């Protein structure tokens, strides 16, 4: 009977709504050690659907749960950042934070260029020209003649 009480305590220690992703990961580890991976995944997923929230649906949590065989719903942006940060992290062996910063910078620059092109196509030509060594050389030499 004491073992059952211990297992019931583990289930009862479900993280509250406003807890951090680390708490959900720790709780899953506790469930696994008491019930095994398959049952732990089922209990965890049911609890997540009741109490989980988008603010704690972090890349770290999604990656951990994916390794456990559970897929957590993510927004399109979350899926994009997960894919690019995992790709950059594995290719260049950098931290996920660094690859997230690089991805954000590249996406931000792309959005800036598209904005400039839509706002003023003539000035956008100058922005694009300055992105290449040949464009900078032409700009210094007086630019393109119309």
N, C-alpha and C. Protein backbone atom coordinates (compact mmCIF):
# COMPACT_ATOMS: atom_id res chain seq x y z
N UNK A 1 0.82 -1.19 0.00
CA UNK A 1 0.00 0.00 0.00
C UNK A 1 0.86 1.26 0.00
N UNK A 2 2.02 1.20 0.67
CA UNK A 2 2.92 2.35 0.72
C UNK A 2 3.45 2.73 -0.65
N UNK A 3 3.68 1.72 -1.52
CA UNK A 3 4.18 2.00 -2.86
C UNK A 3 3.13 2.74 -3.66
N UNK A 4 1.88 2.32 -3.54
CA UNK A 4 0.79 2.98 -4.25
C UNK A 4 0.66 4.43 -3.81
N UNK A 5 0.81 4.68 -2.51
CA UNK A 5 0.74 6.05 -2.00
C UNK A 5 1.86 6.88 -2.60
N UNK A 6 3.09 6.32 -2.71
CA UNK A 6 4.21 7.04 -3.30
C UNK A 6 3.95 7.40 -4.75
N UNK A 7 3.38 6.45 -5.50
CA UNK A 7 3.07 6.72 -6.90
C UNK A 7 1.95 7.75 -7.03
N UNK A 8 0.98 7.67 -6.15
CA UNK A 8 -0.11 8.65 -6.18
C UNK A 8 0.42 10.04 -5.86
N UNK A 9 1.41 10.11 -4.97
CA UNK A 9 2.02 11.40 -4.64
C UNK A 9 2.71 12.01 -5.85
N UNK A 10 3.36 11.16 -6.63
CA UNK A 10 4.05 11.66 -7.83
C UNK A 10 3.04 12.27 -8.79
N UNK A 11 1.93 11.59 -9.00
CA UNK A 11 0.90 12.11 -9.90
C UNK A 11 0.30 13.40 -9.34
N UNK A 12 0.09 13.43 -8.03
CA UNK A 12 -0.50 14.61 -7.39
C UNK A 12 0.43 15.82 -7.45
N UNK A 13 1.71 15.60 -7.66
CA UNK A 13 2.68 16.71 -7.73
C UNK A 13 2.76 17.34 -9.11
N UNK A 14 1.69 17.25 -9.87
CA UNK A 14 1.63 17.85 -11.19
C UNK A 14 1.94 19.35 -11.08
N UNK A 15 2.77 19.88 -11.98
CA UNK A 15 3.09 21.32 -11.90
C UNK A 15 1.85 22.19 -12.07
N UNK A 16 1.79 23.30 -11.36
CA UNK A 16 0.66 24.22 -11.53
C UNK A 16 0.72 24.94 -12.88
N UNK A 17 -0.34 25.61 -13.22
CA UNK A 17 -0.47 26.28 -14.52
C UNK A 17 0.69 27.24 -14.81
N UNK A 18 1.11 28.00 -13.83
CA UNK A 18 2.12 29.03 -14.07
C UNK A 18 3.55 28.55 -13.81
N UNK A 19 3.78 27.24 -13.74
CA UNK A 19 5.13 26.73 -13.48
C UNK A 19 6.01 26.84 -14.72
N UNK A 20 7.29 26.58 -14.54
CA UNK A 20 8.27 26.69 -15.64
C UNK A 20 8.39 25.37 -16.37
N UNK A 21 8.97 25.43 -17.57
CA UNK A 21 9.17 24.22 -18.38
C UNK A 21 10.02 23.20 -17.63
N UNK A 22 10.99 23.68 -16.87
CA UNK A 22 11.87 22.77 -16.12
C UNK A 22 11.08 21.93 -15.13
N UNK A 23 10.02 22.51 -14.56
CA UNK A 23 9.17 21.77 -13.62
C UNK A 23 8.44 20.63 -14.33
N UNK A 24 7.99 20.89 -15.57
CA UNK A 24 7.30 19.86 -16.34
C UNK A 24 8.26 18.74 -16.73
N UNK A 25 9.49 19.11 -17.05
CA UNK A 25 10.50 18.10 -17.39
C UNK A 25 10.82 17.26 -16.16
N UNK A 26 11.00 17.90 -15.02
CA UNK A 26 11.30 17.17 -13.79
C UNK A 26 10.15 16.24 -13.41
N UNK A 27 8.93 16.73 -13.57
CA UNK A 27 7.77 15.91 -13.23
C UNK A 27 7.70 14.69 -14.14
N UNK A 28 8.02 14.88 -15.42
CA UNK A 28 8.03 13.74 -16.34
C UNK A 28 9.08 12.72 -15.91
N UNK A 29 10.25 13.20 -15.50
CA UNK A 29 11.29 12.28 -15.01
C UNK A 29 10.82 11.51 -13.79
N UNK A 30 10.12 12.19 -12.88
CA UNK A 30 9.57 11.52 -11.70
C UNK A 30 8.54 10.47 -12.09
N UNK A 31 7.68 10.82 -13.04
CA UNK A 31 6.68 9.86 -13.51
C UNK A 31 7.35 8.64 -14.14
N UNK A 32 8.38 8.90 -14.95
CA UNK A 32 9.09 7.79 -15.61
C UNK A 32 9.70 6.84 -14.60
N UNK A 33 10.30 7.39 -13.56
CA UNK A 33 10.97 6.52 -12.59
C UNK A 33 9.96 5.72 -11.76
N UNK A 34 8.72 6.18 -11.68
CA UNK A 34 7.71 5.47 -10.90
C UNK A 34 6.81 4.56 -11.75
N UNK A 35 6.55 4.95 -13.00
CA UNK A 35 5.58 4.21 -13.81
C UNK A 35 6.15 3.62 -15.09
N UNK A 36 7.34 4.02 -15.49
CA UNK A 36 7.86 3.62 -16.78
C UNK A 36 7.50 4.67 -17.82
N UNK A 37 8.23 4.64 -18.93
CA UNK A 37 8.12 5.69 -19.94
C UNK A 37 6.73 5.76 -20.58
N UNK A 38 6.17 4.62 -20.97
CA UNK A 38 4.90 4.61 -21.69
C UNK A 38 3.76 5.20 -20.85
N UNK A 39 3.63 4.75 -19.63
CA UNK A 39 2.56 5.26 -18.76
C UNK A 39 2.84 6.71 -18.39
N UNK A 40 4.11 7.02 -18.12
CA UNK A 40 4.48 8.40 -17.77
C UNK A 40 4.10 9.35 -18.90
N UNK A 41 4.36 8.96 -20.15
CA UNK A 41 4.01 9.81 -21.29
C UNK A 41 2.51 10.07 -21.34
N UNK A 42 1.70 9.02 -21.08
CA UNK A 42 0.25 9.19 -21.11
C UNK A 42 -0.24 10.12 -20.02
N UNK A 43 0.26 9.93 -18.80
CA UNK A 43 -0.14 10.80 -17.68
C UNK A 43 0.30 12.23 -17.95
N UNK A 44 1.55 12.39 -18.41
CA UNK A 44 2.10 13.72 -18.66
C UNK A 44 1.28 14.45 -19.72
N UNK A 45 0.97 13.76 -20.82
CA UNK A 45 0.25 14.39 -21.92
C UNK A 45 -1.16 14.82 -21.50
N UNK A 46 -1.83 13.98 -20.73
CA UNK A 46 -3.16 14.34 -20.24
C UNK A 46 -3.08 15.59 -19.35
N UNK A 47 -2.10 15.61 -18.46
CA UNK A 47 -1.92 16.77 -17.58
C UNK A 47 -1.56 18.02 -18.38
N UNK A 48 -0.70 17.87 -19.38
CA UNK A 48 -0.30 19.01 -20.21
C UNK A 48 -1.51 19.62 -20.92
N UNK A 49 -2.38 18.77 -21.42
CA UNK A 49 -3.58 19.27 -22.10
C UNK A 49 -4.50 20.04 -21.14
N UNK A 50 -4.46 19.67 -19.86
CA UNK A 50 -5.29 20.37 -18.87
C UNK A 50 -4.64 21.63 -18.33
N UNK A 51 -3.32 21.57 -18.09
CA UNK A 51 -2.65 22.68 -17.39
C UNK A 51 -1.54 23.38 -18.16
N UNK A 52 -1.07 22.80 -19.22
CA UNK A 52 0.04 23.41 -19.96
C UNK A 52 -0.39 24.72 -20.59
N UNK A 53 0.57 25.59 -20.87
CA UNK A 53 0.22 26.85 -21.53
C UNK A 53 1.33 27.25 -22.48
N UNK A 54 0.99 28.12 -23.42
CA UNK A 54 1.93 28.49 -24.47
C UNK A 54 3.16 29.22 -23.95
N UNK A 55 3.08 29.85 -22.80
CA UNK A 55 4.22 30.58 -22.27
C UNK A 55 5.35 29.66 -21.83
N UNK A 56 4.99 28.43 -21.44
CA UNK A 56 6.04 27.49 -21.02
C UNK A 56 6.31 26.43 -22.06
N UNK A 57 5.68 26.56 -23.23
CA UNK A 57 5.92 25.63 -24.34
C UNK A 57 7.21 26.05 -25.04
N UNK A 58 8.32 25.80 -24.36
CA UNK A 58 9.62 26.25 -24.86
C UNK A 58 10.25 25.22 -25.78
N UNK A 59 11.24 25.65 -26.50
CA UNK A 59 11.99 24.75 -27.38
C UNK A 59 12.62 23.62 -26.57
N UNK A 60 13.12 23.97 -25.39
CA UNK A 60 13.74 22.96 -24.52
C UNK A 60 12.74 21.87 -24.14
N UNK A 61 11.53 22.29 -23.78
CA UNK A 61 10.49 21.34 -23.38
C UNK A 61 10.07 20.48 -24.57
N UNK A 62 9.84 21.12 -25.73
CA UNK A 62 9.43 20.36 -26.92
C UNK A 62 10.50 19.36 -27.33
N UNK A 63 11.77 19.76 -27.26
CA UNK A 63 12.87 18.87 -27.63
C UNK A 63 12.95 17.70 -26.66
N UNK A 64 12.85 17.97 -25.37
CA UNK A 64 12.91 16.91 -24.37
C UNK A 64 11.77 15.91 -24.59
N UNK A 65 10.55 16.43 -24.73
CA UNK A 65 9.40 15.54 -24.87
C UNK A 65 9.43 14.78 -26.19
N UNK A 66 9.98 15.39 -27.22
CA UNK A 66 10.11 14.68 -28.50
C UNK A 66 11.03 13.47 -28.34
N UNK A 67 12.10 13.63 -27.57
CA UNK A 67 13.01 12.51 -27.29
C UNK A 67 12.31 11.42 -26.47
N UNK A 68 11.26 11.81 -25.74
CA UNK A 68 10.51 10.84 -24.93
C UNK A 68 9.38 10.19 -25.73
N UNK A 69 9.17 10.68 -26.96
CA UNK A 69 8.11 10.11 -27.80
C UNK A 69 6.80 10.86 -27.75
N UNK A 70 6.81 12.09 -27.22
CA UNK A 70 5.60 12.90 -27.11
C UNK A 70 5.81 14.18 -27.92
N UNK A 71 4.87 14.47 -28.81
CA UNK A 71 4.95 15.70 -29.59
C UNK A 71 3.98 16.71 -29.01
N UNK A 72 4.50 17.88 -28.67
CA UNK A 72 3.67 18.97 -28.15
C UNK A 72 3.36 19.91 -29.30
N UNK A 73 2.12 20.35 -29.40
CA UNK A 73 1.75 21.30 -30.45
C UNK A 73 2.56 22.57 -30.30
N UNK A 74 2.98 23.11 -31.44
CA UNK A 74 3.75 24.35 -31.44
C UNK A 74 3.23 25.23 -32.57
N UNK A 75 3.41 26.53 -32.41
CA UNK A 75 2.99 27.46 -33.47
C UNK A 75 3.94 27.32 -34.66
N UNK A 76 3.56 27.89 -35.76
CA UNK A 76 4.41 27.85 -36.96
C UNK A 76 5.76 28.48 -36.71
N UNK A 77 5.78 29.62 -35.99
CA UNK A 77 7.04 30.29 -35.68
C UNK A 77 7.91 29.41 -34.79
N UNK A 78 7.29 28.75 -33.78
CA UNK A 78 8.04 27.86 -32.90
C UNK A 78 8.67 26.71 -33.68
N UNK A 79 7.91 26.15 -34.61
CA UNK A 79 8.43 25.05 -35.44
C UNK A 79 9.61 25.53 -36.29
N UNK A 80 9.47 26.73 -36.86
CA UNK A 80 10.55 27.29 -37.68
C UNK A 80 11.81 27.51 -36.85
N UNK A 81 11.67 28.13 -35.68
CA UNK A 81 12.86 28.38 -34.86
C UNK A 81 13.47 27.09 -34.33
N UNK A 82 12.63 26.11 -33.99
CA UNK A 82 13.16 24.82 -33.55
C UNK A 82 14.00 24.19 -34.65
N UNK A 83 13.47 24.19 -35.87
CA UNK A 83 14.18 23.56 -36.99
C UNK A 83 15.48 24.28 -37.30
N UNK A 84 15.45 25.61 -37.36
CA UNK A 84 16.66 26.34 -37.72
C UNK A 84 17.69 26.31 -36.60
N UNK A 85 17.27 26.40 -35.35
CA UNK A 85 18.25 26.38 -34.27
C UNK A 85 18.85 24.99 -34.11
N UNK A 86 18.04 23.94 -34.31
CA UNK A 86 18.60 22.58 -34.26
C UNK A 86 19.58 22.38 -35.40
N UNK A 87 19.22 22.87 -36.59
CA UNK A 87 20.11 22.72 -37.74
C UNK A 87 21.42 23.46 -37.55
N UNK A 88 21.35 24.72 -37.15
CA UNK A 88 22.57 25.49 -36.93
C UNK A 88 23.40 24.91 -35.80
N UNK A 89 22.73 24.46 -34.74
CA UNK A 89 23.45 23.91 -33.59
C UNK A 89 24.23 22.66 -33.98
N UNK A 90 23.61 21.81 -34.80
CA UNK A 90 24.30 20.57 -35.17
C UNK A 90 25.36 20.81 -36.23
N UNK A 91 25.12 21.71 -37.16
CA UNK A 91 26.10 21.95 -38.24
C UNK A 91 27.32 22.68 -37.69
N UNK A 92 27.11 23.74 -36.95
CA UNK A 92 28.22 24.58 -36.49
C UNK A 92 28.62 24.31 -35.04
N UNK A 93 27.96 23.38 -34.39
CA UNK A 93 28.24 23.01 -33.01
C UNK A 93 28.25 24.24 -32.09
N UNK A 94 27.16 24.98 -32.15
CA UNK A 94 27.01 26.15 -31.29
C UNK A 94 25.79 25.93 -30.40
N UNK A 95 25.66 26.76 -29.39
CA UNK A 95 24.53 26.61 -28.48
C UNK A 95 23.23 26.99 -29.19
N UNK A 96 22.13 26.49 -28.66
CA UNK A 96 20.82 26.80 -29.23
C UNK A 96 20.53 28.30 -29.12
N UNK A 97 21.00 28.94 -28.05
CA UNK A 97 20.77 30.37 -27.87
C UNK A 97 21.47 31.16 -28.96
N UNK A 98 22.72 30.81 -29.23
CA UNK A 98 23.48 31.50 -30.27
C UNK A 98 22.82 31.30 -31.63
N UNK A 99 22.41 30.07 -31.93
CA UNK A 99 21.79 29.83 -33.23
C UNK A 99 20.44 30.52 -33.31
N UNK A 100 19.72 30.66 -32.19
CA UNK A 100 18.46 31.39 -32.19
C UNK A 100 18.70 32.87 -32.50
N UNK A 101 19.75 33.44 -31.93
CA UNK A 101 20.08 34.85 -32.17
C UNK A 101 20.44 35.06 -33.64
N UNK A 102 21.24 34.15 -34.19
CA UNK A 102 21.62 34.26 -35.60
C UNK A 102 20.40 34.14 -36.50
N UNK A 103 19.53 33.17 -36.21
CA UNK A 103 18.32 33.00 -37.00
C UNK A 103 17.44 34.24 -36.94
N UNK A 104 17.27 34.79 -35.74
CA UNK A 104 16.47 36.00 -35.58
C UNK A 104 17.04 37.18 -36.35
N UNK A 105 18.36 37.30 -36.35
CA UNK A 105 19.02 38.39 -37.07
C UNK A 105 18.81 38.25 -38.58
N UNK A 106 18.99 37.05 -39.09
CA UNK A 106 18.81 36.82 -40.53
C UNK A 106 17.36 37.08 -40.95
N UNK A 107 16.43 36.57 -40.16
CA UNK A 107 15.01 36.80 -40.47
C UNK A 107 14.69 38.29 -40.38
N UNK A 108 15.21 38.96 -39.37
CA UNK A 108 14.98 40.40 -39.23
C UNK A 108 15.52 41.19 -40.42
N UNK A 109 16.72 40.84 -40.87
CA UNK A 109 17.28 41.52 -42.05
C UNK A 109 16.45 41.25 -43.30
N UNK A 110 15.99 40.02 -43.45
CA UNK A 110 15.16 39.70 -44.62
C UNK A 110 13.86 40.51 -44.60
N UNK A 111 13.25 40.63 -43.44
CA UNK A 111 12.02 41.42 -43.31
C UNK A 111 12.31 42.89 -43.61
N UNK A 112 13.45 43.39 -43.14
CA UNK A 112 13.84 44.78 -43.40
C UNK A 112 14.01 45.04 -44.90
N UNK A 113 14.66 44.12 -45.59
CA UNK A 113 14.89 44.30 -47.03
C UNK A 113 13.57 44.26 -47.78
N UNK A 114 12.70 43.33 -47.43
CA UNK A 114 11.39 43.26 -48.09
C UNK A 114 10.61 44.55 -47.85
N UNK A 115 10.66 45.06 -46.62
CA UNK A 115 9.98 46.32 -46.29
C UNK A 115 10.53 47.46 -47.14
N UNK A 116 11.84 47.53 -47.26
CA UNK A 116 12.46 48.62 -48.05
C UNK A 116 12.07 48.51 -49.52
N UNK A 117 12.03 47.29 -50.04
CA UNK A 117 11.67 47.10 -51.44
C UNK A 117 10.23 47.55 -51.67
N UNK A 118 9.34 47.19 -50.77
CA UNK A 118 7.94 47.56 -50.94
C UNK A 118 7.72 49.06 -50.75
N UNK A 119 8.46 49.66 -49.85
CA UNK A 119 8.28 51.08 -49.55
C UNK A 119 8.87 51.96 -50.65
N UNK A 120 10.07 51.66 -51.07
CA UNK A 120 10.74 52.49 -52.07
C UNK A 120 11.70 51.62 -52.89
N UNK A 121 11.27 51.16 -54.04
CA UNK A 121 12.11 50.25 -54.83
C UNK A 121 13.47 50.83 -55.22
N UNK A 122 13.56 52.14 -55.46
CA UNK A 122 14.85 52.74 -55.84
C UNK A 122 15.86 52.69 -54.70
N UNK A 123 15.43 53.01 -53.49
CA UNK A 123 16.37 52.96 -52.37
C UNK A 123 16.70 51.52 -52.00
N UNK A 124 15.78 50.60 -52.28
CA UNK A 124 16.04 49.18 -52.00
C UNK A 124 17.19 48.67 -52.87
N UNK A 125 17.28 49.21 -54.09
CA UNK A 125 18.37 48.81 -54.99
C UNK A 125 19.71 49.15 -54.33
N UNK A 126 19.79 50.29 -53.68
CA UNK A 126 21.03 50.68 -52.99
C UNK A 126 21.33 49.75 -51.82
N UNK A 127 20.30 49.37 -51.08
CA UNK A 127 20.50 48.46 -49.95
C UNK A 127 21.05 47.13 -50.44
N UNK A 128 20.46 46.60 -51.51
CA UNK A 128 20.90 45.32 -52.06
C UNK A 128 22.31 45.45 -52.63
N UNK A 129 22.60 46.56 -53.29
CA UNK A 129 23.95 46.76 -53.85
C UNK A 129 25.01 46.79 -52.76
N UNK A 130 24.68 47.39 -51.63
CA UNK A 130 25.66 47.48 -50.54
C UNK A 130 25.91 46.13 -49.87
N UNK A 131 25.10 45.14 -50.18
CA UNK A 131 25.27 43.81 -49.58
C UNK A 131 26.36 42.99 -50.25
N UNK A 132 26.85 43.44 -51.40
CA UNK A 132 27.89 42.69 -52.12
C UNK A 132 29.12 43.57 -52.33
N UNK A 133 30.28 42.96 -52.42
CA UNK A 133 31.49 43.76 -52.70
C UNK A 133 31.41 44.50 -54.04
N UNK A 134 30.85 43.85 -55.06
CA UNK A 134 30.72 44.50 -56.36
C UNK A 134 29.79 45.71 -56.28
N UNK A 135 28.71 45.57 -55.52
CA UNK A 135 27.77 46.67 -55.36
C UNK A 135 28.39 47.85 -54.63
N UNK A 136 29.20 47.55 -53.61
CA UNK A 136 29.88 48.63 -52.88
C UNK A 136 30.87 49.34 -53.80
N UNK A 137 31.57 48.57 -54.64
CA UNK A 137 32.54 49.17 -55.55
C UNK A 137 31.83 50.07 -56.57
N UNK A 138 30.69 49.60 -57.10
CA UNK A 138 29.92 50.41 -58.05
C UNK A 138 29.40 51.67 -57.37
N UNK A 139 28.98 51.54 -56.12
CA UNK A 139 28.46 52.69 -55.39
C UNK A 139 29.55 53.75 -55.19
N UNK A 140 30.76 53.29 -54.88
CA UNK A 140 31.88 54.22 -54.71
C UNK A 140 32.28 54.87 -56.02
N UNK A 141 32.08 54.11 -57.12
CA UNK A 141 32.46 54.64 -58.43
C UNK A 141 31.37 55.55 -59.02
N UNK A 142 30.29 55.75 -58.34
CA UNK A 142 29.26 56.65 -58.86
C UNK A 142 27.94 55.98 -59.10
N UNK A 143 27.85 54.72 -58.89
CA UNK A 143 26.56 54.00 -59.04
C UNK A 143 26.29 53.61 -60.47
N UNK A 144 25.16 53.01 -60.64
CA UNK A 144 24.73 52.59 -61.99
C UNK A 144 24.13 53.76 -62.72
N UNK A 145 24.43 53.83 -64.02
CA UNK A 145 23.85 54.89 -64.85
C UNK A 145 22.50 54.43 -65.37
N UNK A 146 21.53 55.33 -65.39
CA UNK A 146 20.20 55.00 -65.88
C UNK A 146 20.13 55.12 -67.38
